[in-house]
Amino acid sequence: MYKAGAALHGQSVPGTGRVGKHCLYSSLCGLLLRRGIAAAEADLFLLAGSMNAEYEGELRPFGPGTFGNQLRRITASGGPAIRVEAWDPQDRDPYKLLKVLHNGYGTMLHVSSAALTYHQIYVINRARGHVIELHGLDEKSRTAHVSDSFLLDSSGQAFQYTGAARLDDILGGVLDYAWLALPPAALSPARMYQACARHIRDYLTGRSDEPRFRKGDAAYRAFIADFQLLTDMNDQEFRYHCGEIYYQLRIGTALTLADYLQDYALLHQDTLGAEARLIANGAAELYAGWHRLNLQIYKTGLQLGRHRVQTLISRANELADQQYRLLEQLLPLVEAAAQD
């Protein structure tokens, strides 16, 4: 058996008894925790600037960017030193994973969920990218030992899995792998606030360093405007795209942003001041609003309710306005904290 840190196949893994809010940030929290660094998912989300969702247009995927780019932004913003490599889909040799398990300080895998045969929910549903932690692997028994801290059941309830996975299934589904390249240190509050302020400014201005994508508020507005494309689709396309909009708003963008924004304001309220509580309350209201709208979008798809599209667009823009104002209010608080 090969090991990462003290994590052995068949033994308990410190720090894995957690249920996260997003697979990437929860997995990274797990890696850091096993190195003695307590980090909040909300801090990592904002450190990565992942509120700046990317959108190319025409209802193409809307989200916070690639696995690798999110992790690289965390490192560039003062977070831990994370290395990311793409995986050759034809490669079934675990040598590269063994190497980082031996030499790194914690490993994450970005995989197709179809490869996660340890739970039926992944087998029966459409394959999507998902992030898990890799603790060890055994070539002889062809097993991997993993943690999945954001496993959503059919009701949408998240829970955590730590245990064995079929190594050959995992190797066939790896998209990228990442590892902590240096022993992680506690995150610097000043650098975190500076990075947060910079990313919020990018959101508000819609600044993008990739011409192909709109980002931040501009991406939300363009995505919402393209809901209009639903009205000209056939029934199958209409249902599919409503389901995709529902998923994209739920995982990684609007609902994730509102949830982490509330957590962030509460976590840092002693530093940010009394207004942080107002932002947390506003974020809770924003989450509820996006949640209700998202259920309406899903229901609209099932019922082929094309007549509701304009109402959905109008309500989504109202929520985007509310989101913009909350981040606009948070910015001076974070800028002031960065100077302390």
C-alpha atoms as a PDB file:
ATOM      1  CA  MET A   1       0.000   0.000   0.000  1.00  0.00           C
ATOM      2  CA  TYR A   2       1.232   3.457  -0.902  1.00  0.00           C
ATOM      3  CA  LYS A   3       0.309   6.275   1.384  1.00  0.00           C
ATOM      4  CA  ALA A   4      -0.093  10.030   1.444  1.00  0.00           C
ATOM      5  CA  GLY A   5       0.802  11.417   4.842  1.00  0.00           C
ATOM      6  CA  ALA A   6      -0.675   9.099   7.449  1.00  0.00           C
ATOM      7  CA  ALA A   7      -3.634   8.040   5.350  1.00  0.00           C
ATOM      8  CA  LEU A   8      -3.702   4.301   4.757  1.00  0.00           C
ATOM      9  CA  HIS A   9      -6.233   2.168   2.941  1.00  0.00           C
ATOM     10  CA  GLY A  10      -8.712   0.757   5.425  1.00  0.00           C
ATOM     11  CA  GLN A  11      -7.834   3.209   8.187  1.00  0.00           C
ATOM     12  CA  SER A  12      -9.551   6.376   9.298  1.00  0.00           C
ATOM     13  CA  VAL A  13      -8.390   9.529   7.559  1.00  0.00           C
ATOM     14  CA  PRO A  14      -8.121  12.621   9.787  1.00  0.00           C
ATOM     15  CA  GLY A  15     -10.223  15.515   8.617  1.00  0.00           C
ATOM     16  CA  THR A  16     -12.545  13.549   6.336  1.00  0.00           C
ATOM     17  CA  GLY A  17     -15.619  13.613   8.547  1.00  0.00           C
ATOM     18  CA  ARG A  18     -16.931  16.685   6.755  1.00  0.00           C
ATOM     19  CA  VAL A  19     -19.698  17.475   4.327  1.00  0.00           C
ATOM     20  CA  GLY A  20     -18.769  20.333   2.043  1.00  0.00           C
ATOM     21  CA  LYS A  21     -20.647  22.876  -0.035  1.00  0.00           C
ATOM     22  CA  HIS A  22     -18.597  22.471  -3.228  1.00  0.00           C
ATOM     23  CA  CYS A  23     -16.396  19.560  -4.195  1.00  0.00           C
ATOM     24  CA  LEU A  24     -13.291  21.551  -5.132  1.00  0.00           C
ATOM     25  CA  TYR A  25     -13.113  23.816  -2.085  1.00  0.00           C
ATOM     26  CA  SER A  26     -14.144  21.102   0.328  1.00  0.00           C
ATOM     27  CA  SER A  27     -11.482  18.752  -1.037  1.00  0.00           C
ATOM     28  CA  LEU A  28      -8.808  21.424  -0.718  1.00  0.00           C
ATOM     29  CA  CYS A  29      -9.943  22.125   2.846  1.00  0.00           C
ATOM     30  CA  GLY A  30      -9.474  18.435   3.571  1.00  0.00           C
ATOM     31  CA  LEU A  31      -5.935  18.411   2.227  1.00  0.00           C
ATOM     32  CA  LEU A  32      -5.021  21.466   4.272  1.00  0.00           C
ATOM     33  CA  LEU A  33      -6.650  20.131   7.419  1.00  0.00           C
ATOM     34  CA  ARG A  34      -4.549  17.005   7.286  1.00  0.00           C
ATOM     35  CA  ARG A  35      -1.512  19.300   7.276  1.00  0.00           C
ATOM     36  CA  GLY A  36      -2.766  21.142  10.338  1.00  0.00           C
ATOM     37  CA  ILE A  37      -4.172  24.145   8.441  1.00  0.00           C
ATOM     38  CA  ALA A  38      -7.794  25.007   9.131  1.00  0.00           C
ATOM     39  CA  ALA A  39      -9.229  26.864   6.140  1.00  0.00           C
ATOM     40  CA  ALA A  40     -12.798  27.848   5.328  1.00  0.00           C
ATOM     41  CA  GLU A  41     -14.345  26.935   2.007  1.00  0.00           C
ATOM     42  CA  ALA A  42     -15.660  30.490   1.683  1.00  0.00           C
ATOM     43  CA  ASP A  43     -12.141  31.907   2.008  1.00  0.00           C
ATOM     44  CA  LEU A  44     -10.841  29.585  -0.707  1.00  0.00           C
ATOM     45  CA  PHE A  45     -13.758  30.385  -3.015  1.00  0.00           C
ATOM     46  CA  LEU A  46     -13.143  34.115  -2.708  1.00  0.00           C
ATOM     47  CA  LEU A  47      -9.356  33.663  -2.838  1.00  0.00           C
ATOM     48  CA  ALA A  48      -9.845  31.959  -6.210  1.00  0.00           C
ATOM     49  CA  GLY A  49     -12.058  34.776  -7.462  1.00  0.00           C
ATOM     50  CA  SER A  50     -14.629  32.146  -8.359  1.00  0.00           C
ATOM     51  CA  MET A  51     -17.496  34.600  -8.011  1.00  0.00           C
ATOM     52  CA  ASN A  52     -16.296  35.719 -11.466  1.00  0.00           C
ATOM     53  CA  ALA A  53     -18.239  33.115 -13.392  1.00  0.00           C
ATOM     54  CA  GLU A  54     -17.242  32.745 -17.039  1.00  0.00           C
ATOM     55  CA  TYR A  55     -19.642  32.687 -19.981  1.00  0.00           C
ATOM     56  CA  GLU A  56     -18.944  32.284 -23.671  1.00  0.00           C
ATOM     57  CA  GLY A  57     -22.506  32.746 -24.926  1.00  0.00           C
ATOM     58  CA  GLU A  58     -25.403  30.839 -26.511  1.00  0.00           C
ATOM     59  CA  LEU A  59     -26.148  28.896 -23.302  1.00  0.00           C
ATOM     60  CA  ARG A  60     -22.753  27.212 -23.316  1.00  0.00           C
ATOM     61  CA  PRO A  61     -21.524  26.173 -19.852  1.00  0.00           C
ATOM     62  CA  PHE A  62     -21.636  28.955 -17.260  1.00  0.00           C
ATOM     63  CA  GLY A  63     -19.308  28.505 -14.322  1.00  0.00           C
ATOM     64  CA  PRO A  64     -16.301  29.601 -12.259  1.00  0.00           C
ATOM     65  CA  GLY A  65     -13.656  28.378 -14.699  1.00  0.00           C
ATOM     66  CA  THR A  66     -11.662  25.208 -15.062  1.00  0.00           C
ATOM     67  CA  PHE A  67     -10.464  23.109 -12.154  1.00  0.00           C
ATOM     68  CA  GLY A  68      -6.858  24.048 -12.884  1.00  0.00           C
ATOM     69  CA  ASN A  69      -7.468  27.753 -13.274  1.00  0.00           C
ATOM     70  CA  GLN A  70      -9.378  27.975 -10.005  1.00  0.00           C
ATOM     71  CA  LEU A  71      -6.523  26.302  -8.140  1.00  0.00           C
ATOM     72  CA  ARG A  72      -3.886  28.418  -9.885  1.00  0.00           C
ATOM     73  CA  ARG A  73      -5.736  31.583  -8.880  1.00  0.00           C
ATOM     74  CA  ILE A  74      -5.729  30.415  -5.263  1.00  0.00           C
ATOM     75  CA  THR A  75      -1.940  30.043  -5.384  1.00  0.00           C
ATOM     76  CA  ALA A  76      -1.501  33.379  -7.188  1.00  0.00           C
ATOM     77  CA  SER A  77      -3.678  35.088  -4.582  1.00  0.00           C
ATOM     78  CA  GLY A  78      -1.501  34.010  -1.661  1.00  0.00           C
ATOM     79  CA  GLY A  79      -2.875  30.550  -1.020  1.00  0.00           C
ATOM     80  CA  PRO A  80      -0.967  27.265  -0.827  1.00  0.00           C
ATOM     81  CA  ALA A  81       1.400  26.189  -3.602  1.00  0.00           C
ATOM     82  CA  ILE A  82      -0.722  23.906  -5.767  1.00  0.00           C
ATOM     83  CA  ARG A  83       0.489  22.140  -8.898  1.00  0.00           C
ATOM     84  CA  VAL A  84      -2.003  20.995 -11.522  1.00  0.00           C
ATOM     85  CA  GLU A  85      -1.447  18.595 -14.413  1.00  0.00           C
ATOM     86  CA  ALA A  86      -3.786  17.306 -17.099  1.00  0.00           C
ATOM     87  CA  TRP A  87      -4.244  13.548 -17.300  1.00  0.00           C
ATOM     88  CA  ASP A  88      -3.937  11.566 -20.509  1.00  0.00           C
ATOM     89  CA  PRO A  89      -7.276   9.700 -20.833  1.00  0.00           C
ATOM     90  CA  GLN A  90      -5.442   6.737 -22.362  1.00  0.00           C
ATOM     91  CA  ASP A  91      -3.060   6.465 -19.416  1.00  0.00           C
ATOM     92  CA  ARG A  92      -3.927   3.645 -17.027  1.00  0.00           C
ATOM     93  CA  ASP A  93      -0.534   3.598 -15.296  1.00  0.00           C
ATOM     94  CA  PRO A  94      -0.823   5.015 -11.758  1.00  0.00           C
ATOM     95  CA  TYR A  95       2.891   5.937 -11.602  1.00  0.00           C
ATOM     96  CA  LYS A  96       2.297   9.708 -11.749  1.00  0.00           C
ATOM     97  CA  LEU A  97      -0.228   9.492  -8.934  1.00  0.00           C
ATOM     98  CA  LEU A  98       2.126   7.349  -6.875  1.00  0.00           C
ATOM     99  CA  LYS A  99       4.852   9.927  -7.392  1.00  0.00           C
ATOM    100  CA  VAL A 100       2.793  12.826  -6.057  1.00  0.00           C
ATOM    101  CA  LEU A 101       1.420  10.696  -3.225  1.00  0.00           C
ATOM    102  CA  HIS A 102       5.009  10.044  -2.162  1.00  0.00           C
ATOM    103  CA  ASN A 103       6.455  13.490  -2.817  1.00  0.00           C
ATOM    104  CA  GLY A 104       3.522  15.875  -2.418  1.00  0.00           C
ATOM    105  CA  TYR A 105       1.546  17.025   0.577  1.00  0.00           C
ATOM    106  CA  GLY A 106      -1.926  15.949  -0.484  1.00  0.00           C
ATOM    107  CA  THR A 107      -3.561  15.047  -3.791  1.00  0.00           C
ATOM    108  CA  MET A 108      -6.851  15.899  -5.486  1.00  0.00           C
ATOM    109  CA  LEU A 109      -8.378  14.322  -8.560  1.00  0.00           C
ATOM    110  CA  HIS A 110     -10.706  16.024 -11.011  1.00  0.00           C
ATOM    111  CA  VAL A 111     -12.640  13.115 -12.490  1.00  0.00           C
ATOM    112  CA  SER A 112     -15.664  12.281 -14.563  1.00  0.00           C
ATOM    113  CA  SER A 113     -18.360  11.283 -12.089  1.00  0.00           C
ATOM    114  CA  ALA A 114     -19.060   8.191 -14.234  1.00  0.00           C
ATOM    115  CA  ALA A 115     -15.784   6.776 -12.888  1.00  0.00           C
ATOM    116  CA  LEU A 116     -16.971   7.018  -9.272  1.00  0.00           C
ATOM    117  CA  THR A 117     -18.603   3.625  -9.119  1.00  0.00           C
ATOM    118  CA  TYR A 118     -18.508   3.539  -5.314  1.00  0.00           C
ATOM    119  CA  HIS A 119     -21.970   5.144  -5.326  1.00  0.00           C
ATOM    120  CA  GLN A 120     -24.975   4.419  -7.498  1.00  0.00           C
ATOM    121  CA  ILE A 121     -25.922   8.087  -7.807  1.00  0.00           C
ATOM    122  CA  TYR A 122     -22.907   8.648 -10.048  1.00  0.00           C
ATOM    123  CA  VAL A 123     -23.635   5.560 -12.123  1.00  0.00           C
ATOM    124  CA  ILE A 124     -27.236   6.422 -12.976  1.00  0.00           C
ATOM    125  CA  ASN A 125     -26.829  10.144 -13.647  1.00  0.00           C
ATOM    126  CA  ARG A 126     -25.192  12.106 -16.406  1.00  0.00           C
ATOM    127  CA  ALA A 127     -21.414  12.279 -16.097  1.00  0.00           C
ATOM    128  CA  ARG A 128     -20.033  15.601 -14.857  1.00  0.00           C
ATOM    129  CA  GLY A 129     -16.697  16.801 -13.551  1.00  0.00           C
ATOM    130  CA  HIS A 130     -16.202  16.172  -9.842  1.00  0.00           C
ATOM    131  CA  VAL A 131     -13.336  16.626  -7.374  1.00  0.00           C
ATOM    132  CA  ILE A 132     -12.260  14.104  -4.757  1.00  0.00           C
ATOM    133  CA  GLU A 133      -9.244  13.598  -2.515  1.00  0.00           C
ATOM    134  CA  LEU A 134      -6.838  10.722  -3.108  1.00  0.00           C
ATOM    135  CA  HIS A 135      -5.256   9.301   0.053  1.00  0.00           C
ATOM    136  CA  GLY A 136      -3.588   6.156  -1.238  1.00  0.00           C
ATOM    137  CA  LEU A 137      -3.694   3.394  -3.804  1.00  0.00           C
ATOM    138  CA  ASP A 138      -2.811  -0.263  -3.974  1.00  0.00           C
ATOM    139  CA  GLU A 139      -1.666  -1.556  -7.349  1.00  0.00           C
ATOM    140  CA  LYS A 140      -1.937  -5.191  -6.311  1.00  0.00           C
ATOM    141  CA  SER A 141      -5.599  -5.040  -5.321  1.00  0.00           C
ATOM    142  CA  ARG A 142      -6.339  -2.264  -7.876  1.00  0.00           C
ATOM    143  CA  THR A 143      -7.990  -0.103  -5.256  1.00  0.00           C
ATOM    144  CA  ALA A 144      -7.731   3.574  -4.404  1.00  0.00           C
ATOM    145  CA  HIS A 145      -8.579   5.160  -1.086  1.00  0.00           C
ATOM    146  CA  VAL A 146     -10.519   8.386  -1.538  1.00  0.00           C
ATOM    147  CA  SER A 147     -12.664  10.967   0.202  1.00  0.00           C
ATOM    148  CA  ASP A 148     -15.670  12.551  -1.463  1.00  0.00           C
ATOM    149  CA  SER A 149     -17.036  15.320   0.754  1.00  0.00           C
ATOM    150  CA  PHE A 150     -19.724  16.571  -1.620  1.00  0.00           C
ATOM    151  CA  LEU A 151     -21.688  13.507  -2.670  1.00  0.00           C
ATOM    152  CA  LEU A 152     -25.214  14.592  -3.576  1.00  0.00           C
ATOM    153  CA  ASP A 153     -27.955  11.997  -3.301  1.00  0.00           C
ATOM    154  CA  SER A 154     -31.107  12.014  -5.434  1.00  0.00           C
ATOM    155  CA  SER A 155     -32.833  14.449  -3.059  1.00  0.00           C
ATOM    156  CA  GLY A 156     -29.981  16.945  -3.324  1.00  0.00           C
ATOM    157  CA  GLN A 157     -28.743  16.179   0.201  1.00  0.00           C
ATOM    158  CA  ALA A 158     -24.952  16.222   0.447  1.00  0.00           C
ATOM    159  CA  PHE A 159     -23.022  13.664   2.420  1.00  0.00           C
ATOM    160  CA  GLN A 160     -19.470  12.345   2.673  1.00  0.00           C
ATOM    161  CA  TYR A 161     -17.813   9.123   1.563  1.00  0.00           C
ATOM    162  CA  THR A 162     -14.371   7.914   2.628  1.00  0.00           C
ATOM    163  CA  GLY A 163     -13.308   4.483   1.509  1.00  0.00           C
ATOM    164  CA  ALA A 164     -12.279   2.280  -1.361  1.00  0.00           C
ATOM    165  CA  ALA A 165     -12.762   2.958  -5.057  1.00  0.00           C
ATOM    166  CA  ARG A 166     -11.892   0.813  -8.045  1.00  0.00           C
ATOM    167  CA  LEU A 167      -8.523   2.027  -9.249  1.00  0.00           C
ATOM    168  CA  ASP A 168      -9.135   1.116 -12.886  1.00  0.00           C
ATOM    169  CA  ASP A 169     -12.428   3.025 -12.897  1.00  0.00           C
ATOM    170  CA  ILE A 170     -10.733   6.058 -11.364  1.00  0.00           C
ATOM    171  CA  LEU A 171      -7.818   5.960 -13.811  1.00  0.00           C
ATOM    172  CA  GLY A 172     -10.254   5.777 -16.699  1.00  0.00           C
ATOM    173  CA  GLY A 173     -12.049   8.909 -15.539  1.00  0.00           C
ATOM    174  CA  VAL A 174      -9.289  11.255 -14.329  1.00  0.00           C
ATOM    175  CA  LEU A 175      -9.327  14.610 -16.117  1.00  0.00           C
ATOM    176  CA  ASP A 176      -6.690  16.476 -14.067  1.00  0.00           C
ATOM    177  CA  TYR A 177      -4.783  15.875 -10.875  1.00  0.00           C
ATOM    178  CA  ALA A 178      -3.409  18.413  -8.411  1.00  0.00           C
ATOM    179  CA  TRP A 179      -1.254  18.330  -5.341  1.00  0.00           C
ATOM    180  CA  LEU A 180       0.156  20.549  -2.630  1.00  0.00           C
ATOM    181  CA  ALA A 181       3.708  21.044  -3.826  1.00  0.00           C
ATOM    182  CA  LEU A 182       5.047  22.554  -0.570  1.00  0.00           C
ATOM    183  CA  PRO A 183       4.131  22.209   3.088  1.00  0.00           C
ATOM    184  CA  PRO A 184       1.179  24.611   3.431  1.00  0.00           C
ATOM    185  CA  ALA A 185       1.283  27.521   5.849  1.00  0.00           C
ATOM    186  CA  ALA A 186      -1.580  29.382   7.468  1.00  0.00           C
ATOM    187  CA  LEU A 187      -3.203  31.832   5.066  1.00  0.00           C
ATOM    188  CA  SER A 188      -2.210  35.464   5.527  1.00  0.00           C
ATOM    189  CA  PRO A 189      -5.304  37.540   6.421  1.00  0.00           C
ATOM    190  CA  ALA A 190      -3.931  40.663   4.747  1.00  0.00           C
ATOM    191  CA  ARG A 191      -3.200  38.856   1.476  1.00  0.00           C
ATOM    192  CA  MET A 192      -6.600  37.170   1.568  1.00  0.00           C
ATOM    193  CA  TYR A 193      -8.390  40.496   1.963  1.00  0.00           C
ATOM    194  CA  GLN A 194      -6.292  42.059  -0.802  1.00  0.00           C
ATOM    195  CA  ALA A 195      -7.103  39.216  -3.176  1.00  0.00           C
ATOM    196  CA  CYS A 196     -10.768  39.280  -2.231  1.00  0.00           C
ATOM    197  CA  ALA A 197     -10.967  43.016  -2.939  1.00  0.00           C
ATOM    198  CA  ARG A 198      -9.274  42.574  -6.308  1.00  0.00           C
ATOM    199  CA  HIS A 199     -11.631  39.779  -7.335  1.00  0.00           C
ATOM    200  CA  ILE A 200     -14.708  41.739  -6.238  1.00  0.00           C
ATOM    201  CA  ARG A 201     -13.563  44.713  -8.311  1.00  0.00           C
ATOM    202  CA  ASP A 202     -13.180  42.386 -11.283  1.00  0.00           C
ATOM    203  CA  TYR A 203     -16.718  41.125 -10.719  1.00  0.00           C
ATOM    204  CA  LEU A 204     -18.219  44.607 -10.543  1.00  0.00           C
ATOM    205  CA  THR A 205     -16.400  45.856 -13.635  1.00  0.00           C
ATOM    206  CA  GLY A 206     -16.801  42.634 -15.613  1.00  0.00           C
ATOM    207  CA  ARG A 207     -13.057  42.642 -16.262  1.00  0.00           C
ATOM    208  CA  SER A 208     -11.832  39.592 -18.155  1.00  0.00           C
ATOM    209  CA  ASP A 209      -8.306  38.699 -19.220  1.00  0.00           C
ATOM    210  CA  GLU A 210      -9.705  36.152 -21.684  1.00  0.00           C
ATOM    211  CA  PRO A 211     -11.504  37.792 -24.627  1.00  0.00           C
ATOM    212  CA  ARG A 212     -13.410  34.581 -25.300  1.00  0.00           C
ATOM    213  CA  PHE A 213     -15.336  34.908 -22.028  1.00  0.00           C
ATOM    214  CA  ARG A 214     -17.457  37.456 -20.282  1.00  0.00           C
ATOM    215  CA  LYS A 215     -16.849  37.355 -16.535  1.00  0.00           C
ATOM    216  CA  GLY A 216     -18.413  38.522 -13.305  1.00  0.00           C
ATOM    217  CA  ASP A 217     -21.503  40.690 -13.528  1.00  0.00           C
ATOM    218  CA  ALA A 218     -21.175  40.910 -17.320  1.00  0.00           C
ATOM    219  CA  ALA A 219     -21.271  37.108 -17.535  1.00  0.00           C
ATOM    220  CA  TYR A 220     -24.408  36.895 -15.389  1.00  0.00           C
ATOM    221  CA  ARG A 221     -26.183  39.506 -17.514  1.00  0.00           C
ATOM    222  CA  ALA A 222     -25.249  37.797 -20.778  1.00  0.00           C
ATOM    223  CA  PHE A 223     -26.221  34.362 -19.472  1.00  0.00           C
ATOM    224  CA  ILE A 224     -29.586  35.615 -18.278  1.00  0.00           C
ATOM    225  CA  ALA A 225     -30.235  37.437 -21.568  1.00  0.00           C
ATOM    226  CA  ASP A 226     -29.627  34.179 -23.430  1.00  0.00           C
ATOM    227  CA  PHE A 227     -32.542  32.523 -21.613  1.00  0.00           C
ATOM    228  CA  GLN A 228     -34.454  34.074 -24.508  1.00  0.00           C
ATOM    229  CA  LEU A 229     -32.948  31.384 -26.754  1.00  0.00           C
ATOM    230  CA  LEU A 230     -35.106  28.826 -24.975  1.00  0.00           C
ATOM    231  CA  THR A 231     -38.254  30.055 -26.695  1.00  0.00           C
ATOM    232  CA  ASP A 232     -37.148  28.835 -30.140  1.00  0.00           C
ATOM    233  CA  MET A 233     -36.040  25.364 -29.037  1.00  0.00           C
ATOM    234  CA  ASN A 234     -37.881  22.114 -29.611  1.00  0.00           C
ATOM    235  CA  ASP A 235     -39.266  20.270 -26.607  1.00  0.00           C
ATOM    236  CA  GLN A 236     -36.227  18.072 -26.053  1.00  0.00           C
ATOM    237  CA  GLU A 237     -33.788  20.979 -26.291  1.00  0.00           C
ATOM    238  CA  PHE A 238     -35.980  23.130 -24.052  1.00  0.00           C
ATOM    239  CA  ARG A 239     -36.070  20.531 -21.270  1.00  0.00           C
ATOM    240  CA  TYR A 240     -32.344  19.856 -21.571  1.00  0.00           C
ATOM    241  CA  HIS A 241     -31.267  23.499 -21.413  1.00  0.00           C
ATOM    242  CA  CYS A 242     -33.610  24.331 -18.538  1.00  0.00           C
ATOM    243  CA  GLY A 243     -32.019  21.436 -16.654  1.00  0.00           C
ATOM    244  CA  GLU A 244     -28.547  22.716 -17.490  1.00  0.00           C
ATOM    245  CA  ILE A 245     -29.390  26.265 -16.376  1.00  0.00           C
ATOM    246  CA  TYR A 246     -30.728  24.811 -13.125  1.00  0.00           C
ATOM    247  CA  TYR A 247     -27.513  22.844 -12.576  1.00  0.00           C
ATOM    248  CA  GLN A 248     -25.173  25.704 -13.472  1.00  0.00           C
ATOM    249  CA  LEU A 249     -26.905  28.196 -11.192  1.00  0.00           C
ATOM    250  CA  ARG A 250     -26.966  25.657  -8.391  1.00  0.00           C
ATOM    251  CA  ILE A 251     -23.376  24.361  -8.481  1.00  0.00           C
ATOM    252  CA  GLY A 252     -20.537  26.861  -8.633  1.00  0.00           C
ATOM    253  CA  THR A 253     -22.324  30.110  -9.497  1.00  0.00           C
ATOM    254  CA  ALA A 254     -25.361  31.912  -8.061  1.00  0.00           C
ATOM    255  CA  LEU A 255     -26.354  29.611  -5.200  1.00  0.00           C
ATOM    256  CA  THR A 256     -22.766  28.747  -4.326  1.00  0.00           C
ATOM    257  CA  LEU A 257     -21.783  32.425  -4.379  1.00  0.00           C
ATOM    258  CA  ALA A 258     -24.662  33.469  -2.119  1.00  0.00           C
ATOM    259  CA  ASP A 259     -23.961  30.626   0.300  1.00  0.00           C
ATOM    260  CA  TYR A 260     -20.244  31.372   0.544  1.00  0.00           C
ATOM    261  CA  LEU A 261     -20.877  35.123   0.714  1.00  0.00           C
ATOM    262  CA  GLN A 262     -22.984  34.608   3.824  1.00  0.00           C
ATOM    263  CA  ASP A 263     -20.329  32.340   5.354  1.00  0.00           C
ATOM    264  CA  TYR A 264     -17.564  34.815   4.529  1.00  0.00           C
ATOM    265  CA  ALA A 265     -19.350  37.782   6.080  1.00  0.00           C
ATOM    266  CA  LEU A 266     -20.098  35.860   9.285  1.00  0.00           C
ATOM    267  CA  LEU A 267     -16.610  34.378   9.472  1.00  0.00           C
ATOM    268  CA  HIS A 268     -14.926  37.789   9.214  1.00  0.00           C
ATOM    269  CA  GLN A 269     -17.488  40.013  10.928  1.00  0.00           C
ATOM    270  CA  ASP A 270     -15.130  40.880  13.795  1.00  0.00           C
ATOM    271  CA  THR A 271     -12.717  42.382  11.258  1.00  0.00           C
ATOM    272  CA  LEU A 272     -15.180  43.683   8.679  1.00  0.00           C
ATOM    273  CA  GLY A 273     -17.392  45.400  11.250  1.00  0.00           C
ATOM    274  CA  ALA A 274     -21.098  45.683  11.943  1.00  0.00           C
ATOM    275  CA  GLU A 275     -22.038  45.966   8.274  1.00  0.00           C
ATOM    276  CA  ALA A 276     -20.872  42.396   7.729  1.00  0.00           C
ATOM    277  CA  ARG A 277     -23.974  41.154   9.531  1.00  0.00           C
ATOM    278  CA  LEU A 278     -26.159  43.089   7.073  1.00  0.00           C
ATOM    279  CA  ILE A 279     -24.279  41.537   4.170  1.00  0.00           C
ATOM    280  CA  ALA A 280     -24.729  38.073   5.678  1.00  0.00           C
ATOM    281  CA  ASN A 281     -28.469  38.673   6.014  1.00  0.00           C
ATOM    282  CA  GLY A 282     -28.631  39.974   2.469  1.00  0.00           C
ATOM    283  CA  ALA A 283     -26.749  36.933   1.219  1.00  0.00           C
ATOM    284  CA  ALA A 284     -29.223  34.633   2.968  1.00  0.00           C
ATOM    285  CA  GLU A 285     -32.085  36.454   1.215  1.00  0.00           C
ATOM    286  CA  LEU A 286     -30.214  36.252  -2.080  1.00  0.00           C
ATOM    287  CA  TYR A 287     -29.720  32.508  -1.667  1.00  0.00           C
ATOM    288  CA  ALA A 288     -33.417  32.013  -1.003  1.00  0.00           C
ATOM    289  CA  GLY A 289     -34.283  34.089  -4.067  1.00  0.00           C
ATOM    290  CA  TRP A 290     -31.966  32.172  -6.388  1.00  0.00           C
ATOM    291  CA  HIS A 291     -33.212  28.892  -4.927  1.00  0.00           C
ATOM    292  CA  ARG A 292     -36.859  29.737  -5.633  1.00  0.00           C
ATOM    293  CA  LEU A 293     -36.066  30.946  -9.138  1.00  0.00           C
ATOM    294  CA  ASN A 294     -33.998  27.872  -9.874  1.00  0.00           C
ATOM    295  CA  LEU A 295     -36.847  25.573  -8.886  1.00  0.00           C
ATOM    296  CA  GLN A 296     -39.114  27.571 -11.208  1.00  0.00           C
ATOM    297  CA  ILE A 297     -36.599  27.119 -14.042  1.00  0.00           C
ATOM    298  CA  TYR A 298     -36.503  23.375 -13.466  1.00  0.00           C
ATOM    299  CA  LYS A 299     -40.295  23.156 -13.313  1.00  0.00           C
ATOM    300  CA  THR A 300     -40.587  25.296 -16.449  1.00  0.00           C
ATOM    301  CA  GLY A 301     -38.427  22.800 -18.307  1.00  0.00           C
ATOM    302  CA  LEU A 302     -40.484  19.827 -17.187  1.00  0.00           C
ATOM    303  CA  GLN A 303     -43.743  21.541 -18.113  1.00  0.00           C
ATOM    304  CA  LEU A 304     -42.441  23.065 -21.370  1.00  0.00           C
ATOM    305  CA  GLY A 305     -43.530  26.450 -20.027  1.00  0.00           C
ATOM    306  CA  ARG A 306     -42.108  28.696 -22.717  1.00  0.00           C
ATOM    307  CA  HIS A 307     -44.557  31.421 -21.729  1.00  0.00           C
ATOM    308  CA  ARG A 308     -42.639  31.835 -18.440  1.00  0.00           C
ATOM    309  CA  VAL A 309     -39.264  32.648 -19.983  1.00  0.00           C
ATOM    310  CA  GLN A 310     -39.648  36.446 -19.882  1.00  0.00           C
ATOM    311  CA  THR A 311     -40.716  36.261 -16.234  1.00  0.00           C
ATOM    312  CA  LEU A 312     -37.671  34.123 -15.444  1.00  0.00           C
ATOM    313  CA  ILE A 313     -35.381  36.622 -17.195  1.00  0.00           C
ATOM    314  CA  SER A 314     -36.887  39.539 -15.300  1.00  0.00           C
ATOM    315  CA  ARG A 315     -36.552  37.821 -11.917  1.00  0.00           C
ATOM    316  CA  ALA A 316     -33.000  36.635 -12.640  1.00  0.00           C
ATOM    317  CA  ASN A 317     -31.939  40.196 -13.471  1.00  0.00           C
ATOM    318  CA  GLU A 318     -33.458  41.419 -10.193  1.00  0.00           C
ATOM    319  CA  LEU A 319     -31.384  38.840  -8.315  1.00  0.00           C
ATOM    320  CA  ALA A 320     -28.268  39.792 -10.294  1.00  0.00           C
ATOM    321  CA  ASP A 321     -28.890  43.411  -9.221  1.00  0.00           C
ATOM    322  CA  GLN A 322     -29.167  42.288  -5.605  1.00  0.00           C
ATOM    323  CA  GLN A 323     -25.963  40.245  -5.932  1.00  0.00           C
ATOM    324  CA  TYR A 324     -24.120  43.208  -7.443  1.00  0.00           C
ATOM    325  CA  ARG A 325     -25.182  45.498  -4.595  1.00  0.00           C
ATOM    326  CA  LEU A 326     -24.044  43.036  -1.928  1.00  0.00           C
ATOM    327  CA  LEU A 327     -20.594  42.709  -3.453  1.00  0.00           C
ATOM    328  CA  GLU A 328     -20.458  46.475  -3.934  1.00  0.00           C
ATOM    329  CA  GLN A 329     -21.196  46.888  -0.203  1.00  0.00           C
ATOM    330  CA  LEU A 330     -18.630  44.256   0.767  1.00  0.00           C
ATOM    331  CA  LEU A 331     -15.801  45.821  -1.252  1.00  0.00           C
ATOM    332  CA  PRO A 332     -14.962  48.838   0.987  1.00  0.00           C
ATOM    333  CA  LEU A 333     -15.086  46.610   4.081  1.00  0.00           C
ATOM    334  CA  VAL A 334     -12.576  44.209   2.576  1.00  0.00           C
ATOM    335  CA  GLU A 335     -10.388  47.040   1.288  1.00  0.00           C
ATOM    336  CA  ALA A 336     -10.268  48.551   4.771  1.00  0.00           C
ATOM    337  CA  ALA A 337      -9.419  45.157   6.315  1.00  0.00           C
ATOM    338  CA  ALA A 338      -6.586  44.735   3.801  1.00  0.00           C
ATOM    339  CA  GLN A 339      -4.964  47.929   5.132  1.00  0.00           C
ATOM    340  CA  ASP A 340      -5.010  46.867   8.779  1.00  0.00           C
END
